[in-house]
Amino acid sequence: MRWRLSNLQVLGLVVISVLLLFAYWNGVADMLYRWNTKEEYGYAYFLPVISVWLIWQKRNDLVQVSFQPSWFGVVVVLAAGLLFFLGEIATTYTLVQYSLVLCLLGLAYA
C-alpha cells in the first residue's frame, strides 16, 4: 500500500511548510547562530541527517501504517502555538525552538 496525496493535500503541505518557516524564522536563525558559534553544539548539524536516515530505515513499516488523524495532535499544535507566543513575547528563542519541535509532533498526530 502506498500513500497517494491529492493535489489539494500537496498544496496544503506546501502552505503549512511556508507558514511554519515564516513563523519560526527568528527561532531557527537563532538556533543556527548557536550551532555556528558555540562549540558544544557542533554535533547539531548531524541531527536532521540522522533523523531522515532513521525515517528512511523505517520507510517500509511507515507505508503500512494507516493514517488516522487525532484531536490530540490539534491540542498539541495549540499548546505549541501558546509556547511560541510566549517565546516571541519574551524574546526567549529557546521556547520558540521547543515550540517548533512540539508543533511538528502535533502535526504528525493531527
PDB file of N, CA and C in Angstrom:
ATOM      1  N   MET A   1       0.839  -1.172   0.000  1.00  0.00           N
ATOM      2  CA  MET A   1       0.000   0.000   0.000  1.00  0.00           C
ATOM      3  C   MET A   1       0.891   1.244   0.000  1.00  0.00           C
ATOM      4  N   ARG A   2       0.623   2.138  -0.893  1.00  0.00           N
ATOM      5  CA  ARG A   2       1.375   3.396  -0.988  1.00  0.00           C
ATOM      6  C   ARG A   2       0.452   4.550  -0.637  1.00  0.00           C
ATOM      7  N   TRP A   3       1.043   5.556  -0.051  1.00  0.00           N
ATOM      8  CA  TRP A   3       0.273   6.770   0.231  1.00  0.00           C
ATOM      9  C   TRP A   3       0.132   7.543  -1.059  1.00  0.00           C
ATOM     10  N   ARG A   4      -1.075   7.960  -1.347  1.00  0.00           N
ATOM     11  CA  ARG A   4      -1.335   8.795  -2.516  1.00  0.00           C
ATOM     12  C   ARG A   4      -1.862  10.129  -2.016  1.00  0.00           C
ATOM     13  N   LEU A   5      -1.184  11.195  -2.396  1.00  0.00           N
ATOM     14  CA  LEU A   5      -1.602  12.531  -1.999  1.00  0.00           C
ATOM     15  C   LEU A   5      -2.256  13.226  -3.178  1.00  0.00           C
ATOM     16  N   SER A   6      -3.392  13.824  -2.916  1.00  0.00           N
ATOM     17  CA  SER A   6      -4.042  14.600  -3.960  1.00  0.00           C
ATOM     18  C   SER A   6      -3.325  15.941  -4.108  1.00  0.00           C
ATOM     19  N   ASN A   7      -3.642  16.639  -5.175  1.00  0.00           N
ATOM     20  CA  ASN A   7      -3.037  17.960  -5.397  1.00  0.00           C
ATOM     21  C   ASN A   7      -3.375  18.916  -4.265  1.00  0.00           C
ATOM     22  N   LEU A   8      -4.595  18.813  -3.730  1.00  0.00           N
ATOM     23  CA  LEU A   8      -5.007  19.673  -2.621  1.00  0.00           C
ATOM     24  C   LEU A   8      -4.188  19.378  -1.368  1.00  0.00           C
ATOM     25  N   GLN A   9      -3.902  18.101  -1.112  1.00  0.00           N
ATOM     26  CA  GLN A   9      -3.084  17.741   0.047  1.00  0.00           C
ATOM     27  C   GLN A   9      -1.646  18.235  -0.112  1.00  0.00           C
ATOM     28  N   VAL A  10      -1.111  18.107  -1.298  1.00  0.00           N
ATOM     29  CA  VAL A  10       0.248  18.601  -1.556  1.00  0.00           C
ATOM     30  C   VAL A  10       0.293  20.117  -1.373  1.00  0.00           C
ATOM     31  N   LEU A  11      -0.715  20.801  -1.896  1.00  0.00           N
ATOM     32  CA  LEU A  11      -0.793  22.251  -1.719  1.00  0.00           C
ATOM     33  C   LEU A  11      -0.874  22.610  -0.236  1.00  0.00           C
ATOM     34  N   GLY A  12      -1.669  21.866   0.517  1.00  0.00           N
ATOM     35  CA  GLY A  12      -1.773  22.105   1.962  1.00  0.00           C
ATOM     36  C   GLY A  12      -0.445  21.924   2.669  1.00  0.00           C
ATOM     37  N   LEU A  13       0.298  20.881   2.302  1.00  0.00           N
ATOM     38  CA  LEU A  13       1.616  20.663   2.903  1.00  0.00           C
ATOM     39  C   LEU A  13       2.586  21.794   2.574  1.00  0.00           C
ATOM     40  N   VAL A  14       2.537  22.265   1.346  1.00  0.00           N
ATOM     41  CA  VAL A  14       3.415  23.366   0.939  1.00  0.00           C
ATOM     42  C   VAL A  14       3.053  24.635   1.710  1.00  0.00           C
ATOM     43  N   VAL A  15       1.762  24.928   1.822  1.00  0.00           N
ATOM     44  CA  VAL A  15       1.319  26.137   2.531  1.00  0.00           C
ATOM     45  C   VAL A  15       1.706  26.057   4.008  1.00  0.00           C
ATOM     46  N   ILE A  16       1.479  24.906   4.637  1.00  0.00           N
ATOM     47  CA  ILE A  16       1.847  24.749   6.052  1.00  0.00           C
ATOM     48  C   ILE A  16       3.355  24.889   6.228  1.00  0.00           C
ATOM     49  N   SER A  17       4.142  24.319   5.324  1.00  0.00           N
ATOM     50  CA  SER A  17       5.599  24.420   5.416  1.00  0.00           C
ATOM     51  C   SER A  17       6.070  25.866   5.304  1.00  0.00           C
ATOM     52  N   VAL A  18       5.497  26.609   4.361  1.00  0.00           N
ATOM     53  CA  VAL A  18       5.875  28.015   4.184  1.00  0.00           C
ATOM     54  C   VAL A  18       5.469  28.836   5.410  1.00  0.00           C
ATOM     55  N   LEU A  19       4.279  28.582   5.935  1.00  0.00           N
ATOM     56  CA  LEU A  19       3.828  29.308   7.127  1.00  0.00           C
ATOM     57  C   LEU A  19       4.708  29.003   8.332  1.00  0.00           C
ATOM     58  N   LEU A  20       5.078  27.739   8.517  1.00  0.00           N
ATOM     59  CA  LEU A  20       5.965  27.389   9.628  1.00  0.00           C
ATOM     60  C   LEU A  20       7.335  28.038   9.469  1.00  0.00           C
ATOM     61  N   LEU A  21       7.851  28.020   8.251  1.00  0.00           N
ATOM     62  CA  LEU A  21       9.153  28.652   8.006  1.00  0.00           C
ATOM     63  C   LEU A  21       9.094  30.148   8.305  1.00  0.00           C
ATOM     64  N   PHE A  22       8.026  30.793   7.861  1.00  0.00           N
ATOM     65  CA  PHE A  22       7.868  32.224   8.111  1.00  0.00           C
ATOM     66  C   PHE A  22       7.705  32.512   9.608  1.00  0.00           C
ATOM     67  N   ALA A  23       6.873  31.733  10.280  1.00  0.00           N
ATOM     68  CA  ALA A  23       6.600  31.981  11.700  1.00  0.00           C
ATOM     69  C   ALA A  23       7.826  31.720  12.574  1.00  0.00           C
ATOM     70  N   TYR A  24       8.556  30.671  12.264  1.00  0.00           N
ATOM     71  CA  TYR A  24       9.675  30.269  13.121  1.00  0.00           C
ATOM     72  C   TYR A  24      11.022  30.773  12.614  1.00  0.00           C
ATOM     73  N   TRP A  25      11.022  31.700  11.687  1.00  0.00           N
ATOM     74  CA  TRP A  25      12.270  32.172  11.087  1.00  0.00           C
ATOM     75  C   TRP A  25      13.260  32.684  12.134  1.00  0.00           C
ATOM     76  N   ASN A  26      12.814  33.531  13.051  1.00  0.00           N
ATOM     77  CA  ASN A  26      13.730  34.086  14.057  1.00  0.00           C
ATOM     78  C   ASN A  26      14.277  32.998  14.978  1.00  0.00           C
ATOM     79  N   GLY A  27      13.431  32.061  15.370  1.00  0.00           N
ATOM     80  CA  GLY A  27      13.878  30.970  16.238  1.00  0.00           C
ATOM     81  C   GLY A  27      14.884  30.068  15.543  1.00  0.00           C
ATOM     82  N   VAL A  28      14.632  29.754  14.281  1.00  0.00           N
ATOM     83  CA  VAL A  28      15.557  28.910  13.526  1.00  0.00           C
ATOM     84  C   VAL A  28      16.867  29.663  13.276  1.00  0.00           C
ATOM     85  N   ALA A  29      16.784  30.958  12.980  1.00  0.00           N
ATOM     86  CA  ALA A  29      18.002  31.750  12.770  1.00  0.00           C
ATOM     87  C   ALA A  29      18.848  31.783  14.044  1.00  0.00           C
ATOM     88  N   ASP A  30      18.195  31.933  15.193  1.00  0.00           N
ATOM     89  CA  ASP A  30      18.922  31.920  16.465  1.00  0.00           C
ATOM     90  C   ASP A  30      19.551  30.548  16.715  1.00  0.00           C
ATOM     91  N   MET A  31      18.818  29.503  16.388  1.00  0.00           N
ATOM     92  CA  MET A  31      19.331  28.151  16.570  1.00  0.00           C
ATOM     93  C   MET A  31      20.568  27.928  15.689  1.00  0.00           C
ATOM     94  N   LEU A  32      20.496  28.344  14.432  1.00  0.00           N
ATOM     95  CA  LEU A  32      21.646  28.187  13.536  1.00  0.00           C
ATOM     96  C   LEU A  32      22.834  29.027  13.995  1.00  0.00           C
ATOM     97  N   TYR A  33      22.558  30.214  14.537  1.00  0.00           N
ATOM     98  CA  TYR A  33      23.634  31.046  15.075  1.00  0.00           C
ATOM     99  C   TYR A  33      24.345  30.322  16.217  1.00  0.00           C
ATOM    100  N   ARG A  34      23.560  29.729  17.107  1.00  0.00           N
ATOM    101  CA  ARG A  34      24.156  28.987  18.234  1.00  0.00           C
ATOM    102  C   ARG A  34      24.964  27.789  17.728  1.00  0.00           C
ATOM    103  N   TRP A  35      24.424  27.092  16.738  1.00  0.00           N
ATOM    104  CA  TRP A  35      25.137  25.938  16.194  1.00  0.00           C
ATOM    105  C   TRP A  35      26.468  26.358  15.595  1.00  0.00           C
ATOM    106  N   ASN A  36      26.509  27.537  14.980  1.00  0.00           N
ATOM    107  CA  ASN A  36      27.731  28.003  14.326  1.00  0.00           C
ATOM    108  C   ASN A  36      28.754  28.560  15.301  1.00  0.00           C
ATOM    109  N   THR A  37      28.306  29.147  16.402  1.00  0.00           N
ATOM    110  CA  THR A  37      29.232  29.870  17.274  1.00  0.00           C
ATOM    111  C   THR A  37      29.584  29.144  18.558  1.00  0.00           C
ATOM    112  N   LYS A  38      28.798  28.208  18.993  1.00  0.00           N
ATOM    113  CA  LYS A  38      29.080  27.524  20.261  1.00  0.00           C
ATOM    114  C   LYS A  38      29.583  26.109  19.980  1.00  0.00           C
ATOM    115  N   GLU A  39      30.762  25.837  20.495  1.00  0.00           N
ATOM    116  CA  GLU A  39      31.414  24.564  20.219  1.00  0.00           C
ATOM    117  C   GLU A  39      30.610  23.370  20.707  1.00  0.00           C
ATOM    118  N   GLU A  40      29.884  23.527  21.803  1.00  0.00           N
ATOM    119  CA  GLU A  40      29.138  22.387  22.351  1.00  0.00           C
ATOM    120  C   GLU A  40      27.945  21.966  21.485  1.00  0.00           C
ATOM    121  N   TYR A  41      27.589  22.784  20.487  1.00  0.00           N
ATOM    122  CA  TYR A  41      26.503  22.426  19.567  1.00  0.00           C
ATOM    123  C   TYR A  41      27.033  21.994  18.206  1.00  0.00           C
ATOM    124  N   GLY A  42      28.281  21.642  18.128  1.00  0.00           N
ATOM    125  CA  GLY A  42      28.884  21.263  16.860  1.00  0.00           C
ATOM    126  C   GLY A  42      28.246  20.030  16.227  1.00  0.00           C
ATOM    127  N   TYR A  43      27.663  19.171  17.036  1.00  0.00           N
ATOM    128  CA  TYR A  43      27.031  17.947  16.537  1.00  0.00           C
ATOM    129  C   TYR A  43      25.654  18.209  15.927  1.00  0.00           C
ATOM    130  N   ALA A  44      25.098  19.373  16.161  1.00  0.00           N
ATOM    131  CA  ALA A  44      23.689  19.633  15.856  1.00  0.00           C
ATOM    132  C   ALA A  44      23.359  19.501  14.374  1.00  0.00           C
ATOM    133  N   TYR A  45      24.297  19.787  13.488  1.00  0.00           N
ATOM    134  CA  TYR A  45      24.019  19.665  12.054  1.00  0.00           C
ATOM    135  C   TYR A  45      23.777  18.215  11.640  1.00  0.00           C
ATOM    136  N   PHE A  46      24.238  17.275  12.444  1.00  0.00           N
ATOM    137  CA  PHE A  46      24.024  15.867  12.124  1.00  0.00           C
ATOM    138  C   PHE A  46      22.617  15.391  12.497  1.00  0.00           C
ATOM    139  N   LEU A  47      21.945  16.072  13.417  1.00  0.00           N
ATOM    140  CA  LEU A  47      20.645  15.604  13.892  1.00  0.00           C
ATOM    141  C   LEU A  47      19.587  15.494  12.792  1.00  0.00           C
ATOM    142  N   PRO A  48      19.418  16.502  11.924  1.00  0.00           N
ATOM    143  CA  PRO A  48      18.431  16.318  10.850  1.00  0.00           C
ATOM    144  C   PRO A  48      18.802  15.185   9.899  1.00  0.00           C
ATOM    145  N   VAL A  49      20.087  15.035   9.615  1.00  0.00           N
ATOM    146  CA  VAL A  49      20.532  13.980   8.706  1.00  0.00           C
ATOM    147  C   VAL A  49      20.259  12.605   9.326  1.00  0.00           C
ATOM    148  N   ILE A  50      20.575  12.448  10.594  1.00  0.00           N
ATOM    149  CA  ILE A  50      20.336  11.182  11.285  1.00  0.00           C
ATOM    150  C   ILE A  50      18.837  10.905  11.377  1.00  0.00           C
ATOM    151  N   SER A  51      18.035  11.934  11.627  1.00  0.00           N
ATOM    152  CA  SER A  51      16.580  11.757  11.694  1.00  0.00           C
ATOM    153  C   SER A  51      16.019  11.277  10.362  1.00  0.00           C
ATOM    154  N   VAL A  52      16.448  11.891   9.278  1.00  0.00           N
ATOM    155  CA  VAL A  52      15.987  11.474   7.947  1.00  0.00           C
ATOM    156  C   VAL A  52      16.437  10.047   7.665  1.00  0.00           C
ATOM    157  N   TRP A  53      17.652   9.715   8.045  1.00  0.00           N
ATOM    158  CA  TRP A  53      18.151   8.355   7.833  1.00  0.00           C
ATOM    159  C   TRP A  53      17.329   7.338   8.615  1.00  0.00           C
ATOM    160  N   LEU A  54      16.991   7.638   9.877  1.00  0.00           N
ATOM    161  CA  LEU A  54      16.178   6.720  10.673  1.00  0.00           C
ATOM    162  C   LEU A  54      14.778   6.545  10.082  1.00  0.00           C
ATOM    163  N   ILE A  55      14.194   7.631   9.595  1.00  0.00           N
ATOM    164  CA  ILE A  55      12.886   7.534   8.941  1.00  0.00           C
ATOM    165  C   ILE A  55      13.007   6.698   7.675  1.00  0.00           C
ATOM    166  N   TRP A  56      14.081   6.892   6.916  1.00  0.00           N
ATOM    167  CA  TRP A  56      14.292   6.125   5.693  1.00  0.00           C
ATOM    168  C   TRP A  56      14.427   4.629   6.010  1.00  0.00           C
ATOM    169  N   GLN A  57      15.078   4.307   7.109  1.00  0.00           N
ATOM    170  CA  GLN A  57      15.240   2.915   7.505  1.00  0.00           C
ATOM    171  C   GLN A  57      13.896   2.255   7.815  1.00  0.00           C
ATOM    172  N   LYS A  58      12.952   3.028   8.302  1.00  0.00           N
ATOM    173  CA  LYS A  58      11.628   2.508   8.663  1.00  0.00           C
ATOM    174  C   LYS A  58      10.571   2.787   7.603  1.00  0.00           C
ATOM    175  N   ARG A  59      10.982   3.185   6.421  1.00  0.00           N
ATOM    176  CA  ARG A  59      10.020   3.608   5.401  1.00  0.00           C
ATOM    177  C   ARG A  59       9.024   2.520   5.039  1.00  0.00           C
ATOM    178  N   ASN A  60       9.452   1.257   4.972  1.00  0.00           N
ATOM    179  CA  ASN A  60       8.526   0.181   4.626  1.00  0.00           C
ATOM    180  C   ASN A  60       7.470  -0.026   5.713  1.00  0.00           C
ATOM    181  N   ASP A  61       7.888   0.097   6.964  1.00  0.00           N
ATOM    182  CA  ASP A  61       6.924  -0.014   8.064  1.00  0.00           C
ATOM    183  C   ASP A  61       5.980   1.180   8.089  1.00  0.00           C
ATOM    184  N   LEU A  62       6.499   2.371   7.810  1.00  0.00           N
ATOM    185  CA  LEU A  62       5.676   3.576   7.841  1.00  0.00           C
ATOM    186  C   LEU A  62       4.625   3.582   6.733  1.00  0.00           C
ATOM    187  N   VAL A  63       4.953   3.009   5.585  1.00  0.00           N
ATOM    188  CA  VAL A  63       3.995   2.960   4.483  1.00  0.00           C
ATOM    189  C   VAL A  63       2.809   2.074   4.846  1.00  0.00           C
ATOM    190  N   GLN A  64       3.043   1.052   5.648  1.00  0.00           N
ATOM    191  CA  GLN A  64       1.980   0.124   6.027  1.00  0.00           C
ATOM    192  C   GLN A  64       1.019   0.703   7.065  1.00  0.00           C
ATOM    193  N   VAL A  65       1.432   1.736   7.759  1.00  0.00           N
ATOM    194  CA  VAL A  65       0.597   2.342   8.798  1.00  0.00           C
ATOM    195  C   VAL A  65      -0.512   3.147   8.140  1.00  0.00           C
ATOM    196  N   SER A  66      -1.730   2.900   8.561  1.00  0.00           N
ATOM    197  CA  SER A  66      -2.846   3.680   8.016  1.00  0.00           C
ATOM    198  C   SER A  66      -2.926   5.023   8.739  1.00  0.00           C
ATOM    199  N   PHE A  67      -3.250   6.029   7.987  1.00  0.00           N
ATOM    200  CA  PHE A  67      -3.323   7.383   8.544  1.00  0.00           C
ATOM    201  C   PHE A  67      -4.653   7.557   9.269  1.00  0.00           C
ATOM    202  N   GLN A  68      -4.574   7.895  10.552  1.00  0.00           N
ATOM    203  CA  GLN A  68      -5.763   8.156  11.355  1.00  0.00           C
ATOM    204  C   GLN A  68      -5.538   9.456  12.118  1.00  0.00           C
ATOM    205  N   PRO A  69      -6.173  10.539  11.659  1.00  0.00           N
ATOM    206  CA  PRO A  69      -5.971  11.812  12.353  1.00  0.00           C
ATOM    207  C   PRO A  69      -6.488  11.750  13.791  1.00  0.00           C
ATOM    208  N   SER A  70      -5.925  12.605  14.620  1.00  0.00           N
ATOM    209  CA  SER A  70      -6.268  12.594  16.033  1.00  0.00           C
ATOM    210  C   SER A  70      -6.455  14.029  16.536  1.00  0.00           C
ATOM    211  N   TRP A  71      -7.444  14.213  17.391  1.00  0.00           N
ATOM    212  CA  TRP A  71      -7.644  15.523  18.014  1.00  0.00           C
ATOM    213  C   TRP A  71      -6.518  15.840  18.985  1.00  0.00           C
ATOM    214  N   PHE A  72      -5.834  14.818  19.469  1.00  0.00           N
ATOM    215  CA  PHE A  72      -4.682  15.034  20.337  1.00  0.00           C
ATOM    216  C   PHE A  72      -3.627  15.880  19.623  1.00  0.00           C
ATOM    217  N   GLY A  73      -3.444  15.627  18.330  1.00  0.00           N
ATOM    218  CA  GLY A  73      -2.497  16.419  17.550  1.00  0.00           C
ATOM    219  C   GLY A  73      -2.883  17.880  17.480  1.00  0.00           C
ATOM    220  N   VAL A  74      -4.176  18.143  17.367  1.00  0.00           N
ATOM    221  CA  VAL A  74      -4.652  19.530  17.339  1.00  0.00           C
ATOM    222  C   VAL A  74      -4.360  20.211  18.667  1.00  0.00           C
ATOM    223  N   VAL A  75      -4.582  19.496  19.762  1.00  0.00           N
ATOM    224  CA  VAL A  75      -4.298  20.055  21.093  1.00  0.00           C
ATOM    225  C   VAL A  75      -2.803  20.339  21.241  1.00  0.00           C
ATOM    226  N   VAL A  76      -1.968  19.438  20.735  1.00  0.00           N
ATOM    227  CA  VAL A  76      -0.515  19.630  20.807  1.00  0.00           C
ATOM    228  C   VAL A  76      -0.095  20.843  19.978  1.00  0.00           C
ATOM    229  N   VAL A  77      -0.690  21.007  18.794  1.00  0.00           N
ATOM    230  CA  VAL A  77      -0.372  22.172  17.953  1.00  0.00           C
ATOM    231  C   VAL A  77      -0.807  23.455  18.652  1.00  0.00           C
ATOM    232  N   LEU A  78      -1.963  23.447  19.296  1.00  0.00           N
ATOM    233  CA  LEU A  78      -2.415  24.636  20.040  1.00  0.00           C
ATOM    234  C   LEU A  78      -1.485  24.948  21.212  1.00  0.00           C
ATOM    235  N   ALA A  79      -1.035  23.911  21.913  1.00  0.00           N
ATOM    236  CA  ALA A  79      -0.069  24.118  23.004  1.00  0.00           C
ATOM    237  C   ALA A  79       1.243  24.681  22.449  1.00  0.00           C
ATOM    238  N   ALA A  80       1.660  24.189  21.284  1.00  0.00           N
ATOM    239  CA  ALA A  80       2.870  24.707  20.652  1.00  0.00           C
ATOM    240  C   ALA A  80       2.680  26.172  20.261  1.00  0.00           C
ATOM    241  N   GLY A  81       1.484  26.519  19.806  1.00  0.00           N
ATOM    242  CA  GLY A  81       1.195  27.916  19.472  1.00  0.00           C
ATOM    243  C   GLY A  81       1.290  28.821  20.685  1.00  0.00           C
ATOM    244  N   LEU A  82       0.787  28.340  21.819  1.00  0.00           N
ATOM    245  CA  LEU A  82       0.886  29.118  23.055  1.00  0.00           C
ATOM    246  C   LEU A  82       2.346  29.282  23.470  1.00  0.00           C
ATOM    247  N   LEU A  83       3.102  28.208  23.386  1.00  0.00           N
ATOM    248  CA  LEU A  83       4.528  28.278  23.726  1.00  0.00           C
ATOM    249  C   LEU A  83       5.275  29.209  22.778  1.00  0.00           C
ATOM    250  N   PHE A  84       4.922  29.165  21.494  1.00  0.00           N
ATOM    251  CA  PHE A  84       5.514  30.068  20.510  1.00  0.00           C
ATOM    252  C   PHE A  84       5.200  31.525  20.865  1.00  0.00           C
ATOM    253  N   PHE A  85       3.948  31.788  21.187  1.00  0.00           N
ATOM    254  CA  PHE A  85       3.537  33.150  21.548  1.00  0.00           C
ATOM    255  C   PHE A  85       4.319  33.648  22.764  1.00  0.00           C
ATOM    256  N   LEU A  86       4.423  32.816  23.792  1.00  0.00           N
ATOM    257  CA  LEU A  86       5.169  33.212  24.994  1.00  0.00           C
ATOM    258  C   LEU A  86       6.644  33.439  24.682  1.00  0.00           C
ATOM    259  N   GLY A  87       7.217  32.586  23.833  1.00  0.00           N
ATOM    260  CA  GLY A  87       8.624  32.746  23.456  1.00  0.00           C
ATOM    261  C   GLY A  87       8.870  34.010  22.659  1.00  0.00           C
ATOM    262  N   GLU A  88       7.945  34.344  21.754  1.00  0.00           N
ATOM    263  CA  GLU A  88       8.097  35.570  20.958  1.00  0.00           C
ATOM    264  C   GLU A  88       7.918  36.809  21.824  1.00  0.00           C
ATOM    265  N   ILE A  89       6.942  36.789  22.706  1.00  0.00           N
ATOM    266  CA  ILE A  89       6.703  37.949  23.584  1.00  0.00           C
ATOM    267  C   ILE A  89       7.908  38.184  24.498  1.00  0.00           C
ATOM    268  N   ALA A  90       8.463  37.096  25.029  1.00  0.00           N
ATOM    269  CA  ALA A  90       9.589  37.217  25.962  1.00  0.00           C
ATOM    270  C   ALA A  90      10.932  37.250  25.232  1.00  0.00           C
ATOM    271  N   THR A  91      10.910  37.152  23.904  1.00  0.00           N
ATOM    272  CA  THR A  91      12.115  37.039  23.074  1.00  0.00           C
ATOM    273  C   THR A  91      13.068  35.965  23.617  1.00  0.00           C
ATOM    274  N   THR A  92      12.473  34.879  24.045  1.00  0.00           N
ATOM    275  CA  THR A  92      13.230  33.719  24.504  1.00  0.00           C
ATOM    276  C   THR A  92      13.134  32.672  23.411  1.00  0.00           C
ATOM    277  N   TYR A  93      14.135  32.644  22.555  1.00  0.00           N
ATOM    278  CA  TYR A  93      14.061  31.787  21.385  1.00  0.00           C
ATOM    279  C   TYR A  93      14.149  30.304  21.720  1.00  0.00           C
ATOM    280  N   THR A  94      14.612  29.983  22.925  1.00  0.00           N
ATOM    281  CA  THR A  94      14.596  28.583  23.337  1.00  0.00           C
ATOM    282  C   THR A  94      13.168  28.069  23.389  1.00  0.00           C
ATOM    283  N   LEU A  95      12.237  28.876  23.893  1.00  0.00           N
ATOM    284  CA  LEU A  95      10.824  28.489  23.914  1.00  0.00           C
ATOM    285  C   LEU A  95      10.283  28.343  22.494  1.00  0.00           C
ATOM    286  N   VAL A  96      10.689  29.227  21.618  1.00  0.00           N
ATOM    287  CA  VAL A  96      10.248  29.155  20.224  1.00  0.00           C
ATOM    288  C   VAL A  96      10.771  27.873  19.578  1.00  0.00           C
ATOM    289  N   GLN A  97      12.002  27.503  19.880  1.00  0.00           N
ATOM    290  CA  GLN A  97      12.568  26.293  19.303  1.00  0.00           C
ATOM    291  C   GLN A  97      11.875  25.040  19.840  1.00  0.00           C
ATOM    292  N   TYR A  98      11.576  25.012  21.135  1.00  0.00           N
ATOM    293  CA  TYR A  98      10.792  23.903  21.683  1.00  0.00           C
ATOM    294  C   TYR A  98       9.407  23.865  21.061  1.00  0.00           C
ATOM    295  N   SER A  99       8.853  25.029  20.827  1.00  0.00           N
ATOM    296  CA  SER A  99       7.538  25.118  20.206  1.00  0.00           C
ATOM    297  C   SER A  99       7.551  24.526  18.803  1.00  0.00           C
ATOM    298  N   LEU A 100       8.618  24.751  18.052  1.00  0.00           N
ATOM    299  CA  LEU A 100       8.727  24.196  16.707  1.00  0.00           C
ATOM    300  C   LEU A 100       8.713  22.666  16.750  1.00  0.00           C
ATOM    301  N   VAL A 101       9.481  22.093  17.643  1.00  0.00           N
ATOM    302  CA  VAL A 101       9.516  20.633  17.772  1.00  0.00           C
ATOM    303  C   VAL A 101       8.139  20.112  18.179  1.00  0.00           C
ATOM    304  N   LEU A 102       7.506  20.771  19.133  1.00  0.00           N
ATOM    305  CA  LEU A 102       6.187  20.364  19.589  1.00  0.00           C
ATOM    306  C   LEU A 102       5.153  20.506  18.479  1.00  0.00           C
ATOM    307  N   CYS A 103       5.255  21.556  17.694  1.00  0.00           N
ATOM    308  CA  CYS A 103       4.337  21.780  16.583  1.00  0.00           C
ATOM    309  C   CYS A 103       4.482  20.685  15.517  1.00  0.00           C
ATOM    310  N   LEU A 104       5.700  20.310  15.183  1.00  0.00           N
ATOM    311  CA  LEU A 104       5.923  19.243  14.206  1.00  0.00           C
ATOM    312  C   LEU A 104       5.372  17.916  14.723  1.00  0.00           C
ATOM    313  N   LEU A 105       5.551  17.663  16.010  1.00  0.00           N
ATOM    314  CA  LEU A 105       4.997  16.446  16.613  1.00  0.00           C
ATOM    315  C   LEU A 105       3.474  16.455  16.543  1.00  0.00           C
ATOM    316  N   GLY A 106       2.874  17.604  16.872  1.00  0.00           N
ATOM    317  CA  GLY A 106       1.424  17.724  16.814  1.00  0.00           C
ATOM    318  C   GLY A 106       0.885  17.569  15.400  1.00  0.00           C
ATOM    319  N   LEU A 107       1.588  18.115  14.427  1.00  0.00           N
ATOM    320  CA  LEU A 107       1.166  17.967  13.029  1.00  0.00           C
ATOM    321  C   LEU A 107       1.237  16.521  12.589  1.00  0.00           C
ATOM    322  N   ALA A 108       2.205  15.788  13.094  1.00  0.00           N
ATOM    323  CA  ALA A 108       2.311  14.362  12.756  1.00  0.00           C
ATOM    324  C   ALA A 108       1.115  13.598  13.319  1.00  0.00           C
ATOM    325  N   TYR A 109       0.662  13.961  14.513  1.00  0.00           N
ATOM    326  CA  TYR A 109      -0.514  13.313  15.105  1.00  0.00           C
ATOM    327  C   TYR A 109      -1.810  13.774  14.452  1.00  0.00           C
ATOM    328  N   ALA A 110      -1.862  15.046  14.080  1.00  0.00           N
ATOM    329  CA  ALA A 110      -3.113  15.590  13.518  1.00  0.00           C
ATOM    330  C   ALA A 110      -3.269  15.085  12.117  1.00  0.00           C
TER     331      ALA A 110
END
